[in-house]
Protein backbone atom coordinates (compact mmCIF):
# COMPACT_ATOMS: atom_id res chain seq x y z
CA MET A 1 0.00 0.00 0.00
CA GLU A 2 1.23 3.50 -0.78
CA THR A 3 0.70 6.41 1.59
CA THR A 4 1.33 10.03 0.67
CA ILE A 5 2.24 12.66 3.23
CA ALA A 6 2.57 16.38 2.83
CA ARG A 7 3.82 19.01 5.23
CA CYS A 8 2.56 22.56 5.18
CA TRP A 9 4.11 25.54 6.85
CA ALA A 10 3.49 29.20 7.28
CA ASN A 11 5.38 32.14 8.67
CA PRO A 12 3.67 33.17 10.88
CA PRO A 13 1.62 29.97 11.39
CA CYS A 14 -1.89 30.18 9.95
CA PRO A 15 -4.84 29.79 12.31
CA GLN A 16 -6.78 26.57 11.81
CA THR A 17 -9.86 28.53 10.77
CA SER A 18 -8.06 29.65 7.60
CA LEU A 19 -7.47 26.07 6.48
CA TYR A 20 -10.97 25.10 7.46
CA SER A 21 -12.49 27.99 5.50
CA TYR A 22 -10.40 27.10 2.46
CA SER A 23 -11.32 23.43 2.56
CA HIS A 24 -15.00 24.15 3.19
CA ALA A 25 -15.18 26.59 0.26
CA HIS A 26 -13.70 24.00 -2.09
CA GLY A 27 -15.67 21.02 -0.85
CA LEU A 28 -12.61 19.34 0.67
CA THR A 29 -12.23 17.11 3.70
CA TYR A 30 -10.35 18.61 6.62
CA SER A 31 -10.30 17.39 10.22
CA LYS A 32 -10.14 20.34 12.62
CA ASN A 33 -8.68 18.54 15.62
CA ARG A 34 -6.91 21.04 17.89
CA GLY A 35 -3.45 20.10 19.07
CA MET A 36 -3.24 17.03 16.81
CA PRO A 37 -1.89 16.45 13.31
CA LYS A 38 -4.25 17.70 10.59
CA TYR A 39 -5.69 15.04 8.26
CA PHE A 40 -6.67 15.82 4.67
CA SER A 41 -8.24 13.82 1.90
CA SER A 42 -6.43 13.07 -1.34
CA ARG A 43 -8.50 15.72 -3.06
CA PHE A 44 -7.32 18.37 -0.62
CA LEU A 45 -3.66 17.62 -1.36
CA ARG A 46 -4.20 17.67 -5.09
CA SER A 47 -5.94 21.03 -4.84
CA LEU A 48 -3.48 22.64 -2.42
CA ASP A 49 -2.09 25.70 -4.14
CA ALA A 50 0.84 27.28 -2.31
CA ASN A 51 0.22 30.64 -3.93
CA LYS A 52 -3.52 30.90 -3.20
CA LEU A 53 -3.99 29.51 0.30
CA SER A 54 -3.30 32.45 2.63
CA CYS A 55 -3.72 33.25 6.28
CA ALA A 56 -6.86 35.19 7.02
CA ASN A 57 -4.89 37.73 9.01
CA SER A 58 -1.81 37.89 6.79
CA ALA A 59 -2.37 37.44 3.09
CA SER A 60 1.32 37.94 2.39
CA ASN A 61 2.32 34.84 4.36
CA GLY A 62 0.50 31.86 2.88
CA TRP A 63 0.67 28.17 3.53
CA ARG A 64 3.13 26.40 1.27
CA LEU A 65 3.55 22.76 0.45
CA SER A 66 7.04 22.06 1.75
CA ALA A 67 7.50 18.33 1.16
CA VAL A 68 5.67 15.37 -0.31
CA LEU A 69 6.63 11.90 0.83
CA THR A 70 5.51 8.47 -0.24
CA GLN A 71 5.79 5.26 1.68
CA GLN A 72 5.61 1.94 -0.09
CA ASP A 73 6.53 -1.39 1.47
CA GLY A 74 7.98 0.39 4.49
CA VAL A 75 10.31 2.62 2.48
CA VAL A 76 9.86 6.38 2.69
CA SER A 77 10.97 8.63 -0.14
CA ALA A 78 10.69 12.41 -0.27
CA VAL A 79 9.90 14.60 -3.25
CA ALA A 80 10.24 18.37 -3.06
CA PRO A 81 7.31 20.21 -4.69
CA PRO A 82 7.92 22.75 -7.44
CA THR A 83 9.26 25.97 -5.96
CA THR A 84 6.70 28.72 -6.22
CA GLU A 85 7.61 32.32 -6.87
CA LYS A 86 6.31 33.21 -3.43
CA ALA A 87 8.56 30.66 -1.74
CA LYS A 88 11.55 31.95 -3.69
CA GLU A 89 10.89 35.51 -2.56
CA SER A 90 10.66 34.61 1.13
CA GLY A 91 14.14 33.11 1.31
CA SER A 92 13.23 31.63 4.70
CA PRO A 93 14.29 28.15 5.83
CA LEU A 94 11.56 25.53 5.89
CA ARG A 95 9.82 25.35 9.28
CA PHE A 96 7.60 22.28 9.50
CA THR A 97 4.61 22.89 11.73
CA GLU A 98 1.81 20.62 10.59
CA VAL A 99 1.60 17.00 9.52
CA VAL A 100 -0.79 16.06 6.76
CA VAL A 101 -1.51 12.40 6.15
CA ASP A 102 -3.27 11.20 3.04
CA GLY A 103 -4.56 7.74 2.25
CA SER A 104 -6.57 7.12 -0.88
CA ALA A 105 -9.97 8.76 -1.22
CA ALA A 106 -11.76 5.54 -0.36
CA SER A 107 -9.47 4.25 2.37
CA PRO A 108 -9.58 5.28 6.03
CA ARG A 109 -7.12 7.93 7.12
CA GLU A 110 -3.97 6.63 8.72
CA ARG A 111 -0.83 8.00 10.24
CA ILE A 112 2.58 7.03 8.91
CA GLU A 113 4.95 5.38 11.38
CA SER A 114 7.30 7.79 13.13
CA THR A 115 10.24 7.57 15.49
CA VAL A 116 11.83 9.80 18.12
CA SER A 117 15.60 10.19 18.40
CA ILE A 118 16.79 11.70 21.69
CA THR A 119 20.35 13.03 21.78
CA VAL A 120 21.81 13.92 25.16
CA VAL A 121 24.57 16.41 24.44
CA GLY A 122 27.06 16.32 27.30
CA ALA A 123 26.30 12.67 28.01
CA SER A 124 29.39 12.12 30.17
CA GLY A 125 28.42 14.83 32.69
CA ASP A 126 26.83 14.38 36.11
CA LEU A 127 23.42 15.76 35.15
CA ALA A 128 23.11 13.31 32.26
CA LYS A 129 24.23 10.34 34.35
CA LYS A 130 22.23 11.14 37.48
CA LYS A 131 19.05 12.66 36.06
CA ILE A 132 18.49 12.53 32.29
CA PHE A 133 19.26 8.88 31.47
CA PRO A 134 17.43 7.60 34.62
CA ALA A 135 14.42 9.77 33.71
CA LEU A 136 14.37 8.38 30.17
CA PHE A 137 14.54 4.84 31.53
CA ALA A 138 11.68 5.58 33.95
CA LEU A 139 9.57 6.78 31.01
CA TYR A 140 10.43 3.61 29.10
CA TYR A 141 9.64 1.50 32.17
CA GLU A 142 6.21 3.12 32.41
CA ASP A 143 5.61 2.62 28.65
CA CYS A 144 5.49 6.38 28.10
CA LEU A 145 8.01 6.56 25.26
CA PRO A 146 6.95 5.99 21.64
CA LYS A 147 7.12 2.52 20.17
CA HIS A 148 10.13 3.48 18.06
CA PHE A 149 12.80 5.53 19.81
CA THR A 150 16.58 5.77 19.97
CA ILE A 151 18.79 7.46 22.54
CA PHE A 152 22.23 8.82 21.66
CA GLY A 153 24.80 10.19 24.02
CA TYR A 154 27.07 12.86 22.53
CA ALA A 155 30.17 14.28 24.20
CA ARG A 156 33.84 14.93 23.61
CA SER A 157 34.94 11.91 25.68
CA LYS A 158 35.98 8.85 23.73
CA MET A 159 33.59 6.05 24.55
CA THR A 160 31.99 3.00 22.96
CA ASP A 161 28.30 2.10 23.04
CA ALA A 162 29.10 -0.62 25.60
CA GLU A 163 30.99 1.83 27.81
CA LEU A 164 28.08 4.28 27.75
CA ARG A 165 25.66 1.52 28.73
CA LYS A 166 27.91 0.45 31.59
CA MET A 167 28.25 4.06 32.77
CA ILE A 168 24.51 4.71 32.98
CA SER A 169 23.34 1.23 34.05
CA GLY A 170 24.40 1.79 37.65
CA LYS A 171 22.13 4.84 37.88
CA LEU A 172 18.97 3.15 36.57
CA THR A 173 16.30 2.14 39.05
CA CYS A 174 12.86 0.61 38.65
CA ARG A 175 9.58 1.67 40.20
CA ILE A 176 9.03 0.26 43.68
CA ASP A 177 5.73 -1.32 42.70
CA LYS A 178 6.98 -2.98 39.49
CA ARG A 179 10.24 -4.79 40.17
CA ALA A 180 9.31 -8.13 38.59
CA ASN A 181 10.57 -7.38 35.09
CA CYS A 182 13.12 -4.76 36.04
CA GLU A 183 16.22 -6.46 34.67
CA ASP A 184 14.57 -7.29 31.35
CA LYS A 185 13.33 -3.74 30.93
CA MET A 186 16.75 -2.37 31.78
CA ASP A 187 18.46 -4.58 29.20
CA GLN A 188 15.93 -3.62 26.52
CA PHE A 189 16.40 0.07 27.31
CA LEU A 190 20.20 -0.11 27.22
CA GLN A 191 20.10 -1.78 23.82
CA ARG A 192 18.49 1.40 22.48
CA CYS A 193 21.27 3.60 23.88
CA PHE A 194 24.23 4.52 21.67
CA TYR A 195 27.15 6.89 21.77
CA HIS A 196 28.88 9.25 19.37
CA SER A 197 31.99 11.19 20.26
CA GLY A 198 32.49 14.64 18.78
CA GLN A 199 33.31 18.26 19.37
CA TYR A 200 30.50 20.60 20.35
CA ASN A 201 31.41 23.12 17.63
CA SER A 202 32.02 20.70 14.76
CA GLU A 203 29.37 20.51 12.04
CA ASP A 204 31.23 17.52 10.55
CA ASN A 205 30.88 15.59 13.82
CA PHE A 206 27.17 16.38 13.90
CA LYS A 207 26.85 15.20 10.28
CA GLU A 208 28.34 11.89 11.39
CA LEU A 209 25.75 11.82 14.19
CA ASP A 210 23.05 12.52 11.60
CA LYS A 211 24.13 9.46 9.59
CA LYS A 212 23.93 7.24 12.67
CA LEU A 213 20.51 8.62 13.58
CA LYS A 214 19.20 7.91 10.09
CA GLU A 215 20.41 4.31 10.30
CA HIS A 216 18.31 3.77 13.42
CA GLU A 217 15.34 5.75 12.14
CA ALA A 218 15.13 3.27 9.26
CA GLY A 219 13.09 5.41 6.89
CA ARG A 220 10.41 6.39 9.40
CA VAL A 221 9.30 9.99 9.84
CA ALA A 222 12.06 11.23 12.14
CA ASN A 223 11.42 13.48 15.12
CA ARG A 224 14.52 14.63 17.00
CA LEU A 225 15.01 15.98 20.52
CA PHE A 226 18.34 17.40 21.66
CA TYR A 227 18.98 17.83 25.39
CA LEU A 228 21.78 20.35 26.00
CA SER A 229 23.40 19.20 29.25
CA VAL A 230 26.44 21.42 28.66
CA PRO A 231 27.73 24.79 29.96
CA PRO A 232 25.76 27.77 28.62
CA ASP A 233 28.76 29.27 26.83
CA ILE A 234 28.59 26.49 24.22
CA PHE A 235 24.79 26.39 23.78
CA VAL A 236 24.89 28.40 20.57
CA ASP A 237 27.72 26.32 19.05
CA VAL A 238 25.80 23.10 19.69
CA VAL A 239 22.54 24.53 18.34
CA ARG A 240 24.28 25.85 15.21
CA CYS A 241 25.85 22.47 14.46
CA ALA A 242 22.74 20.46 15.29
CA SER A 243 20.47 22.76 13.28
CA ARG A 244 22.67 22.74 10.20
CA SER A 245 23.86 19.16 10.25
CA SER A 246 21.54 16.89 12.21
CA SER A 247 18.06 18.38 12.44
CA SER A 248 15.17 16.36 11.05
CA ALA A 249 14.33 16.96 7.40
CA ILE A 250 10.79 15.56 7.60
CA GLY A 251 9.83 15.73 11.29
CA TRP A 252 10.07 18.10 14.22
CA THR A 253 13.33 19.15 15.87
CA ARG A 254 13.29 20.43 19.46
CA VAL A 255 16.06 21.52 21.81
CA ILE A 256 15.94 21.46 25.61
CA VAL A 257 18.17 24.08 27.20
CA GLU A 258 19.28 23.84 30.85
CA LYS A 259 19.72 26.84 33.13
CA PRO A 260 21.51 29.15 33.72
CA PHE A 261 20.06 31.29 30.94
CA GLY A 262 22.69 34.00 31.26
CA ARG A 263 23.89 36.02 34.27
CA ASP A 264 21.77 39.14 33.73
CA SER A 265 19.38 40.77 31.27
CA GLU A 266 22.10 41.52 28.70
CA SER A 267 23.74 38.09 28.62
CA SER A 268 20.33 36.38 28.63
CA ALA A 269 19.15 38.47 25.66
CA GLU A 270 22.39 37.70 23.83
CA LEU A 271 21.89 33.97 24.41
CA THR A 272 18.30 34.16 23.18
CA ARG A 273 19.39 36.00 20.03
CA GLY A 274 22.06 33.37 19.40
CA LEU A 275 19.61 30.49 19.76
CA LYS A 276 17.01 32.16 17.55
CA GLU A 277 19.49 32.47 14.69
CA TYR A 278 19.04 28.73 14.21
CA LEU A 279 15.77 27.85 15.99
CA THR A 280 12.29 29.27 16.31
CA GLU A 281 10.89 30.04 19.76
CA GLU A 282 8.61 27.00 19.33
CA GLN A 283 11.65 24.73 19.06
CA ILE A 284 13.34 26.01 22.23
CA TYR A 285 12.38 24.33 25.52
CA ARG A 286 13.97 26.20 28.45
CA ILE A 287 13.81 23.78 31.33
CA ASP A 288 13.40 24.67 35.00
CA HIS A 289 13.10 21.31 36.70
CA TYR A 290 11.24 22.80 39.68
CA LEU A 291 8.25 23.40 37.41
CA GLY A 292 8.08 19.63 36.97
CA LYS A 293 7.79 18.95 40.69
CA GLU A 294 4.51 17.25 41.60
CA LEU A 295 3.47 19.83 44.20
CA VAL A 296 4.34 22.77 41.95
CA GLU A 297 2.22 21.34 39.15
CA ASN A 298 -0.55 20.79 41.68
CA LEU A 299 -0.64 24.51 42.54
CA SER A 300 -3.13 25.41 39.83
CA VAL A 301 -5.26 22.34 40.61
CA LEU A 302 -5.38 23.23 44.29
CA ARG A 303 -6.38 26.79 43.57
CA PHE A 304 -8.63 26.63 40.52
CA SER A 305 -10.52 23.38 41.19
CA ASN A 306 -11.32 23.97 44.88
CA LEU A 307 -13.94 26.61 45.59
CA VAL A 308 -12.73 26.97 49.18
CA PHE A 309 -9.36 28.45 48.09
CA GLU A 310 -9.94 30.72 45.10
CA PRO A 311 -12.03 33.36 46.96
CA LEU A 312 -9.30 33.58 49.62
CA TRP A 313 -6.44 33.97 47.13
CA SER A 314 -5.95 37.74 47.42
CA ARG A 315 -4.77 40.60 49.59
CA GLN A 316 -8.10 40.62 51.42
CA TYR A 317 -7.36 37.35 53.23
CA ILE A 318 -3.65 36.61 52.74
CA ARG A 319 -1.19 38.46 54.98
CA ASN A 320 2.04 37.19 53.40
CA VAL A 321 3.43 34.43 51.20
CA GLN A 322 6.77 32.73 51.88
CA LEU A 323 8.80 30.75 49.36
CA ILE A 324 11.54 28.84 51.15
CA PHE A 325 14.40 26.79 49.73
CA SER A 326 17.13 25.32 51.91
CA GLU A 327 19.84 22.70 51.51
CA ASP A 328 21.73 21.05 54.35
CA PHE A 329 24.97 20.77 52.35
CA GLY A 330 27.40 23.24 50.81
CA THR A 331 28.70 23.60 47.27
CA GLU A 332 30.61 20.28 47.52
CA GLY A 333 32.86 20.43 44.49
CA ARG A 334 30.69 22.89 42.55
CA GLY A 335 32.30 25.92 44.14
CA GLY A 336 33.96 27.10 40.92
CA TYR A 337 30.66 27.03 39.03
CA PHE A 338 28.61 28.39 41.92
CA ASP A 339 30.95 31.32 42.58
CA ASN A 340 30.19 32.68 39.12
CA TYR A 341 26.45 32.76 39.81
CA GLY A 342 25.57 32.73 43.51
CA ILE A 343 22.33 31.75 45.23
CA ILE A 344 20.25 34.61 43.77
CA ARG A 345 20.91 33.59 40.16
CA ASP A 346 21.01 29.87 40.92
CA ILE A 347 17.75 29.56 42.88
CA MET A 348 15.78 32.78 43.38
CA GLN A 349 15.71 34.26 39.86
CA ASN A 350 14.43 31.01 38.34
CA HIS A 351 13.05 28.31 40.68
CA LEU A 352 11.41 30.50 43.31
CA LEU A 353 10.33 33.26 40.95
CA GLN A 354 8.65 30.75 38.62
CA ILE A 355 6.76 29.26 41.56
CA LEU A 356 5.73 32.75 42.65
CA ALA A 357 4.38 33.54 39.17
CA LEU A 358 2.34 30.33 39.11
CA PHE A 359 1.02 31.01 42.60
CA ALA A 360 0.02 34.63 41.98
CA MET A 361 -1.26 34.55 38.38
CA GLU A 362 -4.84 35.30 37.42
CA THR A 363 -7.11 32.53 36.13
CA PRO A 364 -5.91 31.69 32.60
CA VAL A 365 -8.35 31.46 29.70
CA SER A 366 -7.53 27.76 29.36
CA LEU A 367 -4.89 25.21 30.30
CA ASP A 368 -3.09 25.74 27.00
CA ALA A 369 0.59 26.56 27.39
CA GLU A 370 0.38 30.05 25.92
CA ASP A 371 -2.60 31.06 28.07
CA ILE A 372 -0.83 30.00 31.27
CA ARG A 373 2.46 31.60 30.30
CA ASN A 374 0.69 34.82 29.35
CA GLU A 375 -0.66 35.11 32.89
CA LYS A 376 2.75 34.36 34.41
CA VAL A 377 4.33 37.14 32.36
CA LYS A 378 1.69 39.60 33.59
CA VAL A 379 2.63 38.81 37.19
CA LEU A 380 6.36 39.28 36.54
CA ARG A 381 5.77 42.59 34.77
CA SER A 382 3.63 43.82 37.67
CA MET A 383 6.35 43.26 40.24
CA ARG A 384 8.01 46.18 41.98
CA PRO A 385 11.77 46.59 41.28
CA LEU A 386 13.84 44.98 44.03
CA GLN A 387 15.51 47.41 46.44
CA LEU A 388 18.79 46.69 48.20
CA GLU A 389 17.22 47.43 51.60
CA ASP A 390 14.74 44.60 50.97
CA VAL A 391 17.48 42.01 50.48
CA VAL A 392 19.78 40.19 52.94
CA THR A 393 22.73 38.11 51.74
CA GLY A 394 24.82 35.59 53.64
CA GLN A 395 27.71 33.20 53.23
CA TYR A 396 28.34 30.08 55.31
CA LYS A 397 31.50 29.75 57.37
CA SER A 398 33.18 26.71 58.90
CA HIS A 399 31.64 25.19 61.99
CA VAL A 400 32.66 22.44 64.41
CA LYS A 401 29.95 20.17 65.74
CA GLY A 402 31.11 17.43 68.04
CA ASP A 403 34.14 15.84 66.43
CA THR A 404 33.18 16.96 62.93
CA ARG A 405 34.44 20.13 61.28
CA TYR A 406 32.28 21.44 58.47
CA PRO A 407 34.18 23.60 55.92
CA GLY A 408 33.24 27.16 55.07
CA TYR A 409 32.42 28.31 51.55
CA THR A 410 35.82 29.91 50.98
CA ASP A 411 37.57 26.75 52.24
CA ASP A 412 36.73 25.23 48.86
CA ASN A 413 39.90 25.27 46.74
CA THR A 414 37.92 26.33 43.67
CA VAL A 415 36.53 29.44 45.42
CA PRO A 416 38.58 32.67 45.82
CA LYS A 417 39.44 33.37 49.48
CA ASN A 418 38.00 36.88 49.24
CA SER A 419 34.77 35.80 47.48
CA LEU A 420 31.66 37.88 48.26
CA THR A 421 29.33 35.48 46.45
CA PRO A 422 26.23 34.86 48.59
CA THR A 423 25.29 31.31 49.51
CA PHE A 424 22.15 32.63 51.23
CA ALA A 425 19.68 35.34 50.30
CA ALA A 426 16.35 36.58 51.61
CA ALA A 427 14.21 39.14 49.81
CA ALA A 428 10.86 40.88 50.12
CA LEU A 429 9.02 41.27 46.81
CA PHE A 430 5.76 42.99 45.96
CA ILE A 431 3.26 42.66 43.12
CA ASP A 432 1.65 45.98 42.27
CA ASN A 433 -1.73 44.83 41.01
CA ALA A 434 -5.26 44.79 42.36
CA ARG A 435 -5.10 41.25 43.73
CA TRP A 436 -1.78 41.44 45.60
CA ASP A 437 -1.17 45.12 46.38
CA GLY A 438 0.69 45.42 49.69
CA VAL A 439 1.16 41.67 50.31
CA PRO A 440 4.85 40.84 50.95
CA PHE A 441 6.17 37.80 49.09
CA LEU A 442 9.19 36.71 51.12
CA MET A 443 11.83 34.54 49.45
CA LYS A 444 14.57 32.70 51.28
CA ALA A 445 17.17 30.40 49.75
CA GLY A 446 20.40 29.07 51.17
CA LYS A 447 23.02 26.35 51.33
CA ALA A 448 24.58 24.64 54.36
CA LEU A 449 21.51 25.30 56.52
CA HIS A 450 20.04 23.15 59.29
CA ASN A 451 17.70 21.16 57.06
CA ARG A 452 16.68 20.44 53.47
CA ARG A 453 13.31 21.73 52.30
CA ALA A 454 11.41 23.56 49.60
CA GLU A 455 7.99 24.85 50.50
CA ILE A 456 5.37 27.54 50.01
CA ARG A 457 3.78 29.02 53.13
CA VAL A 458 0.62 31.11 52.90
CA GLN A 459 -0.12 32.97 56.14
CA PHE A 460 -3.67 34.30 56.36
CA ARG A 461 -4.78 37.43 58.16
CA HIS A 462 -5.90 37.47 61.78
CA VAL A 463 -9.59 36.84 62.42
CA PRO A 464 -11.27 40.24 62.96
CA GLY A 465 -12.71 40.50 66.46
CA ASN A 466 -11.59 36.98 67.33
CA LEU A 467 -13.80 35.71 70.17
CA TYR A 468 -11.04 33.40 71.38
CA LYS A 469 -8.12 35.82 71.37
CA ARG A 470 -7.79 35.54 75.16
CA ASN A 471 -7.07 31.84 74.75
CA PHE A 472 -4.05 32.65 72.59
CA GLY A 473 -2.63 35.37 74.81
CA THR A 474 -0.75 38.23 73.22
CA ASP A 475 0.70 36.14 70.36
CA LEU A 476 -2.05 36.35 67.77
CA ASP A 477 0.23 34.69 65.21
CA GLN A 478 -0.52 31.42 67.00
CA ALA A 479 -4.15 31.85 65.93
CA THR A 480 -3.31 32.52 62.29
CA ASN A 481 -4.35 29.97 59.70
CA GLU A 482 -1.50 28.84 57.48
CA LEU A 483 -1.48 26.79 54.28
CA VAL A 484 1.79 24.91 53.71
CA ILE A 485 2.71 23.25 50.41
CA ARG A 486 5.81 21.15 50.97
CA VAL A 487 7.44 20.61 47.58
CA GLN A 488 10.27 18.45 48.94
CA PRO A 489 11.14 16.27 50.72
CA ASP A 490 8.23 14.17 51.97
CA GLU A 491 5.63 15.95 49.82
CA ALA A 492 2.56 17.21 51.64
CA ILE A 493 -0.15 19.87 51.76
CA TYR A 494 -1.46 20.87 55.15
CA LEU A 495 -3.66 23.60 56.57
CA LYS A 496 -3.12 24.84 60.11
CA ILE A 497 -6.39 25.46 61.91
CA ASN A 498 -7.48 26.26 65.47
CA ASN A 499 -9.29 23.49 67.30
CA LYS A 500 -10.74 22.82 70.77
CA ILE A 501 -8.91 20.19 72.78
CA PRO A 502 -11.40 17.54 73.98
CA GLY A 503 -12.38 18.04 77.60
CA LEU A 504 -14.54 20.10 79.92
CA GLY A 505 -12.41 23.21 79.71
CA MET A 506 -11.95 25.60 76.81
CA ARG A 507 -8.41 24.93 75.70
CA LEU A 508 -7.46 25.56 72.09
CA ASP A 509 -4.89 23.79 70.03
CA ARG A 510 -3.35 24.41 66.62
CA SER A 511 -3.84 21.32 64.45
CA ASN A 512 -3.06 20.31 60.89
CA LEU A 513 -5.46 19.11 58.22
CA ASN A 514 -2.83 17.05 56.45
CA LEU A 515 -2.58 15.55 52.96
CA HIS A 516 0.59 13.49 53.23
CA TYR A 517 1.37 12.11 49.79
CA ALA A 518 3.27 9.02 50.94
CA ALA A 519 0.35 8.00 53.17
CA ARG A 520 -2.41 8.88 50.70
CA TYR A 521 -0.93 7.58 47.43
CA SER A 522 0.81 4.24 47.03
CA SER A 523 2.51 5.04 43.73
CA GLU A 524 5.94 6.62 43.63
CA ILE A 525 6.04 10.29 42.64
CA PRO A 526 7.83 10.69 39.29
CA ASP A 527 11.00 12.72 39.14
CA ALA A 528 10.56 16.22 37.69
CA TYR A 529 12.82 15.38 34.74
CA GLU A 530 10.52 12.54 33.71
CA ARG A 531 7.54 14.85 33.40
CA LEU A 532 9.48 17.55 31.55
CA LEU A 533 11.13 15.15 29.10
CA LEU A 534 7.76 13.58 28.31
CA ASP A 535 6.22 17.02 27.77
CA ALA A 536 9.03 17.99 25.39
CA ILE A 537 8.54 14.81 23.38
CA GLU A 538 4.80 15.47 23.18
CA GLY A 539 5.25 19.16 22.36
CA GLU A 540 3.59 20.36 25.58
CA ARG A 541 5.21 23.70 26.49
CA ARG A 542 3.22 24.65 29.60
CA LEU A 543 6.06 23.91 32.06
CA PHE A 544 8.82 25.47 29.98
CA ILE A 545 9.93 29.11 30.06
CA ARG A 546 9.13 31.46 27.19
CA SER A 547 11.63 34.13 26.15
CA ASP A 548 9.50 37.06 27.37
CA GLU A 549 9.11 35.32 30.76
CA LEU A 550 12.88 35.12 30.95
CA ASP A 551 13.27 38.78 30.03
CA ALA A 552 10.78 39.85 32.71
CA ALA A 553 12.48 37.72 35.36
CA TRP A 554 15.92 39.11 34.60
CA SER A 555 14.67 42.71 34.47
CA LEU A 556 13.52 42.25 38.07
CA PHE A 557 16.82 40.93 39.44
CA THR A 558 19.51 42.47 37.20
CA PRO A 559 19.55 45.97 38.80
CA LEU A 560 19.87 44.39 42.28
CA LEU A 561 22.68 42.06 41.19
CA LYS A 562 24.61 44.90 39.60
CA GLU A 563 24.23 47.05 42.72
CA LEU A 564 25.43 44.22 44.98
CA GLU A 565 28.50 43.72 42.80
CA PHE A 566 29.21 47.45 42.31
CA ARG A 567 29.01 48.22 46.03
CA LYS A 568 30.86 45.00 46.91
CA VAL A 569 28.28 44.24 49.60
CA ALA A 570 29.79 41.78 52.09
CA PRO A 571 27.44 38.89 52.93
CA GLU A 572 26.65 38.20 56.59
CA LEU A 573 28.49 35.08 57.77
CA TYR A 574 26.51 32.22 59.31
CA PRO A 575 27.75 28.87 60.67
CA TYR A 576 27.46 25.75 58.54
CA GLY A 577 24.31 23.91 59.67
CA SER A 578 22.62 26.94 61.26
CA ARG A 579 19.31 28.63 60.38
CA GLY A 580 21.05 31.33 58.36
CA PRO A 581 21.92 34.99 58.95
CA VAL A 582 20.17 36.93 61.69
CA GLY A 583 19.50 39.68 59.15
CA ALA A 584 16.83 37.50 57.51
CA HIS A 585 14.74 37.72 60.68
CA TYR A 586 15.05 41.50 60.79
CA LEU A 587 13.93 41.65 57.15
CA ALA A 588 10.80 39.60 57.95
CA ALA A 589 10.10 41.67 61.06
CA LYS A 590 10.27 44.83 58.96
CA TYR A 591 7.00 43.66 57.34
CA ASN A 592 5.57 42.22 60.59
CA VAL A 593 6.20 38.66 59.44
CA ARG A 594 7.76 35.60 61.08
CA TRP A 595 9.42 32.96 58.97
CA GLY A 596 6.99 30.05 59.15
CA ASP A 597 9.60 27.31 58.89
CA ILE A 598 11.44 28.48 62.02
CA SER A 599 8.57 29.74 64.19
CA GLY A 600 6.68 26.50 63.50
CA GLU A 601 9.64 24.42 64.69
CA LEU A 602 10.01 26.44 67.86
CA ARG A 603 6.35 25.87 68.83
CA GLN A 604 6.50 22.12 68.32
């Protein structure tokens, strides 16, 4: 049987209504299925005129037939259509955006077989070994990857396929509830993993990769995903080589880019310009793995699907919001990298600010990626510029506990002895819009603290005219309701309420209404990288960062970072394993706030 496929593209992309109107006017069959490939009858393809079919809102940018393929007996061959005068004038590279599948007029519509090739660039690095390959295996173990897929590791290190498989096999684990066929699944997965050694700036090396990919794609429609697990200074080199030498000719090509996305507004804009020389915005997937955390993704569900929360989600009822990130270890060998960025760039400007935007955004029109990201951008653009007096920085110093000496930040041989890079920061941020005017959003992030946690704390206002205030004494904060969303570890959502202790007297107690994930759900929570990799393969962009989001985030923090560096502000020292600098408590007190993570511990 022979199947014919055509791909259409437009710059900018045409709305579906344009195609529908065209097909309806000419009596053609067109399936208007949002978010899925578009299916056309044979008659539609024969009638498709690249010069006449135009976008309703942009007659100068019409749809053009960019490739026609035929498949017979499993072999795919491509035929380029005649070049139209309009296509010649545009001079733009082909950008495939829609798939059109055509059976015969009498036969049912069918989709041609496709494959996904995933290339991990920087495959010998720690991130690839510890996170990316295990996440891909977890997706395979859960049967979430396509039927046909291939994984390639690419790095400068010389390595064979067998050596790559041995390197990553020790990091692969199976789901707790499905260990029976673990070894078989692992062997099957490893047999689909291959390696190619090459330079990151060599188009010839990427052409060799392209040849290997084609061998494994075996004539199927090839979709290709590149994961850039490399330093940001070589992002553009890799993208240039991959785009020119190993992008898919007849399928989609997508690139996942890891943070950091620059050091400030200027370097971030320069990186974006460099990437967009070779990719469209739709091909770039800027990953922030915290957006893939289960409890972060649950934020919108908690708020928008529970009537009890949405009416309270404003300045009228919320007194302050705290976003807290702490690690109980130091830089541990990453000092050289970390010293170039610091805790504000590493954690606050991306992880915590993205969570804040999700928390504070208005109700989106829909759950489509662009609608959600539009609302996040509005929040970021409404935020008040950060002032130096609303920020506290710290740096951990050595500390002896018992017989153990914990090293200070500058004890790391890769860190300059006179480094002023903060390993801790606390900040008060404000959103100047009708919903959040006057509500302090307090951020706190640090390394080498007394525990490991990431959580969102929502402290509600005091009850007006509280009948039971005498039972709480002078500390009304004890009577304040608090919603806590613990992102990690030991995921949970709990609401602190006031309750009468059973008995004849009137004694009140503060209790928790607790949703503890480990107790409530038996299944293991997927790693954030699993969710984000699967979304990238499926083309779901909701949890990835758009370029204007990135610009808005950097515009908020860049002036502060430059002022800290220009004034050479010395961070407050705090002992390794402590609760952080005292200045953080003064900052919270300035806005009549107590840090919930510490005050809660003291009351227990």
